[in-house]
Protein backbone atom coordinates (compact mmCIF):
# COMPACT_ATOMS: atom_id res chain seq x y z
CA MET A 1 -79.45 33.83 -105.60
CA MET A 2 -76.00 34.32 -104.16
CA SER A 3 -75.51 37.50 -102.18
CA ALA A 4 -72.55 39.28 -100.67
CA VAL A 5 -72.44 41.81 -97.91
CA SER A 6 -69.67 44.16 -96.96
CA ALA A 7 -67.15 43.02 -94.35
CA SER A 8 -67.62 44.36 -90.88
CA PRO A 9 -64.78 46.12 -89.05
CA GLY A 10 -64.44 43.12 -86.74
CA ASP A 11 -63.73 40.63 -89.56
CA GLU A 12 -61.29 37.96 -88.59
CA ALA A 13 -58.43 37.40 -91.04
CA PRO A 14 -56.34 34.23 -90.94
CA GLY A 15 -52.93 35.05 -89.59
CA ARG A 16 -54.36 37.81 -87.38
CA ARG A 17 -55.62 36.71 -83.99
CA GLN A 18 -58.64 38.46 -82.60
CA TRP A 19 -61.03 38.12 -79.71
CA ARG A 20 -63.62 35.48 -80.55
CA PRO A 21 -66.12 34.62 -77.82
CA GLY A 22 -66.45 30.91 -77.14
CA GLY A 23 -69.16 28.82 -75.58
CA ARG A 24 -67.27 27.88 -72.42
CA LEU A 25 -64.59 29.21 -70.12
CA LEU A 26 -61.63 27.46 -71.78
CA PRO A 27 -62.26 28.86 -75.30
CA ARG A 28 -62.68 32.32 -73.77
CA ILE A 29 -59.33 32.03 -72.02
CA ARG A 30 -57.62 30.89 -75.23
CA THR A 31 -59.10 33.72 -77.28
CA PHE A 32 -58.27 36.25 -74.57
CA LEU A 33 -54.63 35.14 -74.51
CA ALA A 34 -54.50 35.32 -78.32
CA TRP A 35 -56.02 38.81 -78.27
CA TRP A 36 -53.65 39.86 -75.51
CA GLY A 37 -50.61 38.59 -77.46
CA THR A 38 -51.74 40.43 -80.58
CA SER A 39 -52.24 43.63 -78.60
CA LEU A 40 -48.75 43.37 -77.12
CA ALA A 41 -47.26 42.75 -80.56
CA ALA A 42 -49.00 45.89 -81.85
CA TRP A 43 -46.68 47.96 -79.65
CA LEU A 44 -43.65 46.72 -81.57
CA PRO A 45 -42.42 48.54 -84.68
CA ARG A 46 -43.65 47.17 -87.98
CA ARG A 47 -40.22 45.94 -89.08
CA VAL A 48 -39.72 44.10 -85.80
CA ARG A 49 -43.09 42.35 -86.22
CA GLU A 50 -42.17 41.35 -89.76
CA LEU A 51 -38.75 40.12 -88.65
CA PHE A 52 -40.22 37.76 -86.05
CA GLY A 53 -43.27 36.74 -88.06
CA LEU A 54 -45.83 38.58 -85.93
CA ALA A 55 -47.39 40.62 -88.76
CA GLY A 56 -49.51 37.72 -90.15
CA ARG A 57 -48.39 38.29 -93.75
CA ARG A 58 -50.01 36.42 -96.67
CA LEU A 59 -49.40 36.44 -100.41
CA LEU A 60 -52.79 36.83 -102.12
CA LEU A 61 -53.26 35.38 -105.61
CA GLU A 62 -56.16 36.85 -107.59
CA VAL A 63 -57.01 35.98 -111.18
CA ARG A 64 -57.80 39.11 -113.17
CA GLY A 65 -58.54 38.11 -116.74
CA ASP A 66 -55.35 36.68 -118.22
CA GLU A 67 -53.18 37.93 -115.40
CA LEU A 68 -52.45 36.80 -111.87
CA ALA A 69 -52.27 39.67 -109.37
CA LEU A 70 -49.87 39.18 -106.45
CA THR A 71 -50.70 41.18 -103.32
CA LEU A 72 -48.80 41.17 -100.03
CA HIS A 73 -51.38 41.44 -97.24
CA ASP A 74 -50.92 41.71 -93.50
CA SER A 75 -52.97 42.85 -90.53
CA GLU A 76 -52.48 46.53 -91.36
CA SER A 77 -52.27 47.01 -95.11
CA SER A 78 -52.20 45.43 -98.57
CA GLN A 79 -49.55 46.09 -101.23
CA LEU A 80 -49.89 45.07 -104.87
CA LEU A 81 -46.55 43.53 -105.86
CA ALA A 82 -47.08 42.62 -109.52
CA ALA A 83 -49.49 41.31 -112.13
CA VAL A 84 -47.92 38.49 -114.17
CA PRO A 85 -49.33 36.65 -117.19
CA LEU A 86 -51.17 33.52 -116.13
CA ALA A 87 -50.54 31.36 -119.22
CA PRO A 88 -46.76 30.87 -118.68
CA LEU A 89 -47.36 30.00 -115.03
CA ARG A 90 -49.73 27.18 -116.01
CA GLU A 91 -47.17 25.64 -118.36
CA THR A 92 -44.33 25.67 -115.82
CA ASP A 93 -43.86 22.59 -113.67
CA GLY A 94 -43.39 23.08 -109.95
CA ASP A 95 -43.47 26.43 -108.20
CA ALA A 96 -43.47 29.04 -110.99
CA LEU A 97 -43.51 31.99 -108.55
CA ALA A 98 -40.34 31.03 -106.68
CA PRO A 99 -37.95 32.50 -109.32
CA LEU A 100 -39.98 35.73 -109.45
CA LEU A 101 -40.09 36.45 -105.70
CA GLN A 102 -37.59 37.03 -102.98
CA ARG A 103 -36.87 34.09 -100.73
CA ARG A 104 -38.86 35.51 -97.83
CA LEU A 105 -41.85 36.30 -100.04
CA ALA A 106 -41.67 32.90 -101.73
CA GLU A 107 -42.04 31.21 -98.33
CA THR A 108 -45.01 33.39 -97.32
CA PRO A 109 -48.32 31.44 -97.16
CA ARG A 110 -50.28 31.82 -100.39
CA TRP A 111 -54.01 32.37 -100.50
CA LEU A 112 -56.30 32.35 -103.52
CA LEU A 113 -58.70 35.31 -103.51
CA LEU A 114 -62.06 34.63 -105.18
CA PRO A 115 -64.66 37.23 -106.21
CA ALA A 116 -67.30 37.91 -103.57
CA ARG A 117 -70.10 37.01 -106.01
CA MET A 118 -68.99 33.36 -105.94
CA GLY A 119 -69.95 33.00 -102.26
CA LEU A 120 -73.24 32.93 -100.39
CA ARG A 121 -73.23 34.58 -96.96
CA ARG A 122 -75.82 34.24 -94.23
CA THR A 123 -75.83 35.82 -90.75
CA LEU A 124 -77.05 33.47 -87.98
CA THR A 125 -77.72 33.91 -84.28
CA LEU A 126 -76.62 30.87 -82.27
CA PRO A 127 -76.65 30.12 -78.53
CA GLU A 128 -73.51 30.58 -76.50
CA ALA A 129 -72.99 26.82 -76.09
CA ALA A 130 -72.48 26.49 -79.85
CA GLY A 131 -69.12 28.27 -79.62
CA GLU A 132 -67.17 25.08 -78.89
CA ARG A 133 -68.29 23.15 -82.01
CA LEU A 134 -69.24 25.99 -84.30
CA GLN A 135 -67.87 24.41 -87.49
CA ASP A 136 -69.82 21.16 -86.97
CA ILE A 137 -73.04 22.98 -86.08
CA LEU A 138 -72.87 25.21 -89.15
CA ARG A 139 -72.58 22.15 -91.36
CA PHE A 140 -76.12 21.18 -90.37
CA GLU A 141 -77.31 24.74 -91.07
CA ILE A 142 -76.17 24.63 -94.70
CA ASP A 143 -79.21 22.62 -95.87
CA ARG A 144 -81.59 25.04 -94.11
CA GLN A 145 -79.91 28.36 -94.85
CA THR A 146 -78.66 27.76 -98.41
CA PRO A 147 -79.95 26.01 -101.54
CA PHE A 148 -76.95 23.65 -101.47
CA ALA A 149 -76.19 20.36 -99.77
CA ALA A 150 -73.31 20.26 -97.30
CA ASP A 151 -71.32 17.86 -99.50
CA ASP A 152 -71.62 20.15 -102.54
CA VAL A 153 -69.99 23.22 -100.98
CA ARG A 154 -66.98 24.35 -99.04
CA TYR A 155 -67.84 26.57 -96.13
CA GLY A 156 -66.36 28.74 -93.44
CA HIS A 157 -67.56 31.15 -90.79
CA ARG A 158 -66.80 34.38 -88.96
CA VAL A 159 -67.86 35.33 -85.45
CA LEU A 160 -69.26 38.84 -85.77
CA GLY A 161 -69.89 39.51 -82.09
CA ARG A 162 -71.70 38.61 -78.89
CA ARG A 163 -75.08 39.89 -77.77
CA GLY A 164 -76.08 40.92 -74.30
CA ASP A 165 -77.84 37.60 -73.62
CA GLY A 166 -74.67 35.62 -74.47
CA SER A 167 -75.76 34.48 -77.96
CA LEU A 168 -73.35 34.70 -80.90
CA ASP A 169 -73.76 36.46 -84.23
CA VAL A 170 -72.05 34.22 -86.80
CA GLU A 171 -71.70 34.67 -90.54
CA LEU A 172 -71.85 31.47 -92.62
CA VAL A 173 -69.96 31.59 -95.94
CA VAL A 174 -70.45 28.84 -98.56
CA VAL A 175 -69.03 28.44 -102.08
CA PRO A 176 -69.91 25.58 -104.46
CA ARG A 177 -67.18 23.00 -104.74
CA VAL A 178 -67.25 23.05 -108.52
CA ALA A 179 -66.51 26.79 -108.53
CA ILE A 180 -63.55 26.40 -106.17
CA ASP A 181 -62.19 23.38 -108.03
CA ALA A 182 -62.38 25.30 -111.33
CA ALA A 183 -60.58 28.31 -109.81
CA VAL A 184 -57.81 26.12 -108.39
CA ALA A 185 -57.47 24.20 -111.65
CA ALA A 186 -57.06 27.51 -113.53
CA LEU A 187 -53.84 28.12 -111.58
CA GLY A 188 -52.25 24.94 -112.85
CA PRO A 189 -49.32 23.73 -110.70
CA LEU A 190 -49.71 26.76 -108.43
CA GLY A 191 -52.95 25.29 -107.11
CA GLY A 192 -50.97 22.78 -105.06
CA THR A 193 -49.07 25.54 -103.23
CA LEU A 194 -52.13 27.22 -101.71
CA ALA A 195 -52.48 27.49 -97.95
CA GLY A 196 -56.03 28.85 -98.08
CA ILE A 197 -58.89 30.22 -100.16
CA ASP A 198 -60.82 33.35 -99.25
CA LEU A 199 -63.36 35.76 -100.74
CA ALA A 200 -62.47 39.31 -101.75
CA VAL A 201 -64.62 42.11 -100.38
CA GLU A 202 -64.43 45.85 -100.96
CA GLY A 203 -63.38 47.86 -97.93
CA GLU A 204 -64.39 51.38 -97.03
CA ASP A 205 -61.37 52.74 -98.92
CA GLY A 206 -62.32 50.84 -102.09
CA ASN A 207 -59.50 48.28 -101.80
CA ARG A 208 -60.24 44.59 -102.10
CA THR A 209 -59.39 42.76 -98.90
CA PRO A 210 -59.89 39.15 -97.70
CA LEU A 211 -63.16 38.39 -95.96
CA GLY A 212 -61.54 36.32 -93.21
CA VAL A 213 -62.51 32.67 -93.90
CA ASN A 214 -60.62 29.66 -95.24
CA LEU A 215 -62.54 27.59 -97.81
CA ILE A 216 -59.82 25.11 -98.71
CA ASP A 217 -59.98 21.45 -97.72
CA ASP A 218 -57.52 20.37 -95.04
CA ALA A 219 -56.29 17.60 -97.33
CA GLY A 220 -55.37 20.10 -100.06
CA ARG A 221 -53.86 22.73 -97.81
CA GLN A 222 -50.19 23.43 -98.37
CA ARG A 223 -48.59 23.89 -94.98
CA ARG A 224 -45.55 26.09 -95.40
CA GLY A 225 -43.00 26.54 -92.67
CA ASP A 226 -42.83 29.94 -91.08
CA PRO A 227 -39.81 31.74 -92.59
CA GLN A 228 -39.34 33.60 -89.32
CA ARG A 229 -39.50 30.49 -87.15
CA ARG A 230 -35.77 30.52 -86.45
CA TYR A 231 -35.86 34.14 -85.35
CA GLN A 232 -38.84 33.40 -83.14
CA TRP A 233 -37.05 30.50 -81.46
CA LEU A 234 -33.93 32.63 -81.04
CA LEU A 235 -35.95 35.46 -79.48
CA ALA A 236 -37.72 33.02 -77.15
CA ALA A 237 -34.40 31.44 -76.09
CA VAL A 238 -32.83 34.84 -75.42
CA ALA A 239 -35.88 35.92 -73.40
CA VAL A 240 -35.76 32.73 -71.32
CA VAL A 241 -32.04 33.17 -70.63
CA PHE A 242 -32.47 36.79 -69.56
CA VAL A 243 -35.44 35.97 -67.35
CA ALA A 244 -33.48 33.13 -65.72
CA LEU A 245 -30.48 35.40 -65.13
CA ALA A 246 -32.68 38.12 -63.66
CA LEU A 247 -34.41 35.68 -61.32
CA TRP A 248 -31.08 34.21 -60.26
CA GLN A 249 -29.65 37.67 -59.54
CA ILE A 250 -32.73 38.67 -57.54
CA ARG A 251 -32.49 35.47 -55.54
CA ALA A 252 -28.78 35.97 -54.91
CA ASN A 253 -29.33 39.54 -53.73
CA HIS A 254 -32.12 38.49 -51.39
CA ALA A 255 -30.04 35.61 -50.04
CA ALA A 256 -27.06 37.86 -49.33
CA ALA A 257 -29.21 40.46 -47.62
CA ALA A 258 -30.97 37.82 -45.55
CA ALA A 259 -27.65 36.27 -44.48
CA ASP A 260 -26.25 39.61 -43.33
CA PHE A 261 -29.40 40.47 -41.45
CA GLU A 262 -29.53 37.06 -39.80
CA ALA A 263 -25.94 37.34 -38.66
CA GLU A 264 -26.58 40.73 -37.06
CA VAL A 265 -29.74 39.57 -35.34
CA ALA A 266 -28.08 36.38 -34.08
CA ALA A 267 -25.13 38.30 -32.62
CA GLU A 268 -27.33 40.82 -30.79
CA ALA A 269 -30.15 38.55 -29.63
CA THR A 270 -28.41 35.45 -28.27
CA ARG A 271 -28.38 36.54 -24.65
CA ALA A 272 -31.83 38.10 -24.79
CA ARG A 273 -33.24 34.92 -26.31
CA GLY A 274 -31.83 32.74 -23.52
CA ALA A 275 -33.20 34.96 -20.77
CA SER A 276 -36.56 35.18 -22.49
CA GLN A 277 -36.80 31.42 -22.82
CA GLN A 278 -36.02 30.85 -19.13
CA ARG A 279 -38.51 33.49 -18.07
CA GLN A 280 -41.16 31.97 -20.33
CA GLN A 281 -40.53 28.50 -18.96
CA LEU A 282 -40.99 29.73 -15.40
CA ALA A 283 -44.14 31.59 -16.35
CA ASP A 284 -45.54 28.53 -18.12
CA LEU A 285 -44.73 26.30 -15.17
CA ALA A 286 -46.38 28.63 -12.70
CA GLU A 287 -49.44 29.04 -14.92
CA GLY A 288 -49.72 25.30 -15.34
CA MET A 289 -49.58 24.72 -11.61
CA ARG A 290 -52.22 27.37 -11.02
CA PHE A 291 -54.42 25.83 -13.67
CA LEU A 292 -54.12 22.38 -12.15
CA ASP A 293 -54.90 23.75 -8.74
CA ARG A 294 -58.01 25.51 -10.05
CA GLN A 295 -59.17 22.39 -11.87
CA ARG A 296 -58.54 20.21 -8.82
CA ALA A 297 -60.40 22.61 -6.55
CA SER A 298 -63.36 23.20 -8.87
CA ARG A 299 -64.20 19.65 -9.94
CA PRO A 300 -64.63 16.35 -8.13
CA MET A 301 -62.05 13.64 -8.60
CA THR A 302 -62.69 10.94 -11.16
CA VAL A 303 -62.38 8.21 -8.52
CA ALA A 304 -65.06 9.93 -6.44
CA VAL A 305 -67.36 10.19 -9.48
CA LEU A 306 -66.97 6.48 -10.30
CA ASP A 307 -67.52 5.53 -6.66
CA GLU A 308 -70.68 7.65 -6.54
CA LEU A 309 -71.98 6.02 -9.73
CA SER A 310 -71.37 2.52 -8.39
CA ARG A 311 -73.31 3.40 -5.25
CA ARG A 312 -76.29 4.98 -6.99
CA LEU A 313 -76.86 2.75 -10.03
CA PRO A 314 -78.97 -0.39 -9.45
CA ASP A 315 -77.57 -3.91 -9.94
CA THR A 316 -79.68 -4.35 -13.10
CA THR A 317 -77.60 -1.69 -14.83
CA TYR A 318 -74.15 -2.00 -16.31
CA LEU A 319 -72.18 0.61 -18.21
CA GLU A 320 -70.44 0.25 -21.55
CA LYS A 321 -68.87 3.69 -21.54
CA VAL A 322 -68.17 6.39 -18.99
CA ALA A 323 -66.64 9.60 -20.34
CA ILE A 324 -65.81 12.83 -18.53
CA GLU A 325 -65.15 15.64 -20.97
CA GLY A 326 -64.67 19.03 -19.35
CA ASP A 327 -67.63 19.53 -17.06
CA ARG A 328 -69.83 16.93 -18.80
CA ILE A 329 -70.40 13.28 -17.86
CA LEU A 330 -71.53 10.81 -20.53
CA LEU A 331 -72.91 7.37 -19.56
CA ILE A 332 -73.80 4.68 -22.13
CA GLY A 333 -75.05 1.25 -21.08
CA LEU A 334 -77.92 -1.24 -20.69
CA SER A 335 -80.49 -1.40 -17.93
CA THR A 336 -83.88 -2.91 -17.22
CA GLU A 337 -84.68 0.26 -15.27
CA ALA A 338 -83.37 2.78 -17.79
CA SER A 339 -86.33 5.12 -17.43
CA ALA A 340 -85.73 5.40 -13.63
CA LEU A 341 -81.97 6.08 -13.79
CA VAL A 342 -82.43 9.85 -13.72
CA GLY A 343 -84.15 9.53 -10.36
CA TYR A 344 -81.31 7.40 -8.99
CA LEU A 345 -78.70 9.98 -9.99
CA GLU A 346 -80.51 13.09 -8.83
CA GLY A 347 -79.44 14.74 -5.57
CA SER A 348 -75.75 13.84 -5.82
CA PRO A 349 -73.31 16.58 -4.73
CA LEU A 350 -70.89 15.53 -7.51
CA TRP A 351 -73.07 16.36 -10.51
CA GLN A 352 -76.15 18.24 -11.56
CA ALA A 353 -79.00 17.99 -14.08
CA PRO A 354 -78.82 14.29 -15.03
CA ALA A 355 -80.93 13.59 -18.11
CA LEU A 356 -81.46 10.95 -20.79
CA ALA A 357 -80.10 11.90 -24.23
CA GLY A 358 -82.18 10.44 -27.03
CA ALA A 359 -84.71 7.61 -26.99
CA LEU A 360 -84.26 4.26 -25.27
CA GLN A 361 -83.42 1.33 -27.55
CA ASN A 362 -84.39 -2.18 -26.61
CA ASP A 363 -81.66 -4.82 -26.90
CA PRO A 364 -83.34 -8.13 -27.83
CA ARG A 365 -80.32 -10.14 -26.70
CA THR A 366 -80.31 -8.92 -23.10
CA ARG A 367 -83.94 -7.75 -22.96
CA ALA A 368 -82.68 -4.49 -21.52
CA ASP A 369 -82.90 -0.92 -22.74
CA ARG A 370 -79.85 0.83 -24.14
CA PHE A 371 -79.59 4.36 -22.76
CA THR A 372 -77.40 7.43 -23.08
CA LEU A 373 -77.34 9.67 -20.01
CA THR A 374 -75.59 13.01 -19.48
CA ALA A 375 -74.94 15.19 -16.45
CA ARG A 376 -72.91 18.29 -15.53
CA LEU A 377 -70.17 18.13 -12.92
CA ALA A 378 -70.67 20.25 -9.84
CA ASP A 379 -68.56 23.40 -9.52
CA ALA A 380 -67.16 22.67 -6.06
CA ALA A 381 -65.42 19.52 -4.89
CA PRO A 382 -67.35 17.47 -2.35
CA ALA A 383 -66.11 16.50 1.10
CA THR A 384 -63.74 13.57 1.32
CA THR A 385 -66.27 11.52 3.22
CA GLN A 386 -68.30 9.19 1.12
CA SER A 387 -71.86 10.25 0.38
CA GLN A 388 -74.70 8.25 1.78
CA GLU A 389 -76.82 6.24 -0.59
CA PRO A 390 -80.30 7.69 -1.09
CA GLU A 391 -83.27 5.88 0.20
CA ARG A 392 -84.50 5.30 -3.37
CA ALA A 393 -81.34 3.39 -4.25
CA ALA A 394 -81.57 1.34 -1.02
CA SER A 395 -85.15 0.43 -1.64
CA ALA A 396 -84.32 -0.56 -5.25
CA ARG A 397 -81.59 -2.90 -4.03
């Protein structure tokens, strides 16, 4: 049995954008921007919104016996315009309402309003991820939630709200195709001018208002041009021009102020800048010389380090890399006595704490062990005389 429930205060009416939670970030951003634009438009006077097509007006057609009621509906109110006999409208070819309405009203999108008893409404709770493809998902719910097959009805939906866990409360609205086709056929030629089909529900004040769904097929939808489109484009063009002029003026003012300030600073600071640069150069030169002197006095010379290494390392060892970075020495090479190299290098006045870094790796080509050895340079420079070779190195040779 078909049932109808009263419309909630958050019903969504076509032509009026509202906040509708989506399943992902992008739909949420789109609905937020739509809600934000609608909220900004609400600050404008009613006549201004109507002039620029921001009121979301629709012309509702409702069959009441032998008459066709014409109601002008927008986001704020509904106004009954007239009730005309339906029989003459069926016999007239083309748009029979155009001669009866003003030009602006004749171009307003027309919606057929059906009695609420013709529709079946079900409230569903769906996960948040269903928000992106809500229309497709609800098509599969028709067989489970209604006694009809999906191909035998026309359906729509309304998002009623979001729960604390992120799930969506959605109302599914279905109407048998035969009922809609019969209602459209009863209008005669006017059926081809419809932009949508909705159900009529009784509001709190007793007035019949649209539910907020569109049950017409996309193929049969009459897409009318917005009568206020030219005004909207004109308003957008004027806004762009004024914004561009304002930005240009702000930029020009800032450029002029910056030029004046720069000229004053340049005139007053030329001499001071030259003296400061010379003083800084002298300070940098003196600091650099002191730094080089400290480095030269605190660390041994590279030539002395290489000479000490050549004296201490056995002939069965050759180096692939010698790097001195700061106070660290890094040696990489091959040796048949890799495990004894730490003993050869200990006791040198040029470095301290020699140690192997990592495990030894055997090289099958040379039958030697690849090693990585590190040490820390001594803090004070050694005497210029060459160090004597330890007895361990002499015995190894």
